[in-house]
Amino acid sequence: MSLVLAASKSTALVDWAGLIKVIWLSALFGGGTILIVSLGITLLTHAQSTSGNRRLLDNLGAILCLVAVLGIVVFGITLMLTKS
């Protein structure tokens, strides 16, 4: 089993700390994006059945959720395209 996980005793083939960090951040951003989209859809649906100031606030909240999701997408694309 040690042959699979390490090339030699001094260097590991897999950077486990880095892998765990990537998994954690992916879950955080993925879950957060899903929550923001869900909130935006809920606000937009609720805005259709209300009127007055509440309708305005619901529409504004849905627009802010859309802008946040677009920002997350642009951030992700930027991360993928930058070379380190």
Protein backbone atom coordinates (compact mmCIF):
# COMPACT_ATOMS: atom_id res chain seq x y z
CA MET A 1 0.00 0.00 0.00
CA SER A 2 2.89 2.36 0.66
CA LEU A 3 4.03 1.98 -2.96
CA VAL A 4 0.75 3.41 -4.19
CA LEU A 5 0.73 6.42 -1.87
CA ALA A 6 4.39 7.40 -1.92
CA ALA A 7 7.15 7.33 -4.53
CA SER A 8 9.77 7.04 -1.83
CA LYS A 9 9.86 7.46 1.90
CA SER A 10 10.62 11.18 1.63
CA THR A 11 8.18 12.39 -1.03
CA ALA A 12 4.50 11.60 -1.30
CA LEU A 13 2.78 11.24 -4.64
CA VAL A 14 -0.38 12.87 -3.28
CA ASP A 15 -0.42 16.15 -1.38
CA TRP A 16 -3.15 15.09 1.06
CA ALA A 17 -3.40 18.46 2.79
CA GLY A 18 -3.86 20.20 -0.55
CA LEU A 19 -6.42 17.61 -1.68
CA ILE A 20 -8.45 18.02 1.51
CA LYS A 21 -8.33 21.81 1.07
CA VAL A 22 -9.64 21.51 -2.50
CA ILE A 23 -12.44 19.16 -1.42
CA TRP A 24 -13.43 21.46 1.46
CA LEU A 25 -13.48 24.61 -0.69
CA SER A 26 -15.37 22.87 -3.50
CA ALA A 27 -18.04 21.69 -1.08
CA LEU A 28 -18.27 25.14 0.50
CA PHE A 29 -18.58 27.06 -2.77
CA GLY A 30 -20.85 24.42 -4.35
CA GLY A 31 -23.20 24.33 -1.38
CA GLY A 32 -23.19 28.09 -1.04
CA THR A 33 -24.01 28.55 -4.70
CA ILE A 34 -26.91 26.12 -4.43
CA LEU A 35 -28.25 27.96 -1.39
CA ILE A 36 -28.02 31.34 -3.13
CA VAL A 37 -29.78 30.04 -6.26
CA SER A 38 -32.50 28.46 -4.10
CA LEU A 39 -33.02 31.70 -2.21
CA GLY A 40 -33.24 33.67 -5.47
CA ILE A 41 -35.83 31.29 -6.93
CA THR A 42 -37.86 31.38 -3.71
CA LEU A 43 -37.81 35.19 -3.63
CA LEU A 44 -38.78 35.45 -7.28
CA THR A 45 -41.66 32.99 -6.81
CA HIS A 46 -42.85 34.81 -3.70
CA ALA A 47 -42.71 38.17 -5.50
CA GLN A 48 -45.32 36.96 -8.00
CA SER A 49 -47.92 36.45 -5.28
CA THR A 50 -47.36 39.69 -3.35
CA SER A 51 -47.76 43.36 -4.11
CA GLY A 52 -46.40 46.72 -3.03
CA ASN A 53 -43.16 47.13 -1.14
CA ARG A 54 -42.87 43.42 -0.38
CA ARG A 55 -42.88 42.64 -4.11
CA LEU A 56 -40.14 45.21 -4.70
CA LEU A 57 -38.00 43.76 -1.90
CA ASP A 58 -38.46 40.21 -3.16
CA ASN A 59 -37.50 41.19 -6.70
CA LEU A 60 -34.49 43.13 -5.43
CA GLY A 61 -33.37 40.13 -3.36
CA ALA A 62 -33.73 37.83 -6.37
CA ILE A 63 -31.63 40.20 -8.48
CA LEU A 64 -28.95 40.33 -5.80
CA CYS A 65 -28.88 36.52 -5.69
CA LEU A 66 -28.47 36.44 -9.48
CA VAL A 67 -25.60 38.92 -9.31
CA ALA A 68 -23.95 36.89 -6.54
CA VAL A 69 -24.16 33.67 -8.56
CA LEU A 70 -22.76 35.39 -11.64
CA GLY A 71 -19.91 36.70 -9.48
CA ILE A 72 -19.19 33.20 -8.20
CA VAL A 73 -19.15 31.84 -11.77
CA VAL A 74 -16.77 34.59 -12.94
CA PHE A 75 -14.54 33.97 -9.90
CA GLY A 76 -14.42 30.24 -10.67
CA ILE A 77 -13.60 30.78 -14.32
CA THR A 78 -10.87 33.25 -13.33
CA LEU A 79 -9.36 30.68 -10.97
CA MET A 80 -9.34 28.04 -13.67
CA LEU A 81 -7.77 30.28 -16.30
CA THR A 82 -4.99 31.81 -14.20
CA LYS A 83 -1.68 30.03 -14.35
CA SER A 84 0.31 29.66 -11.18
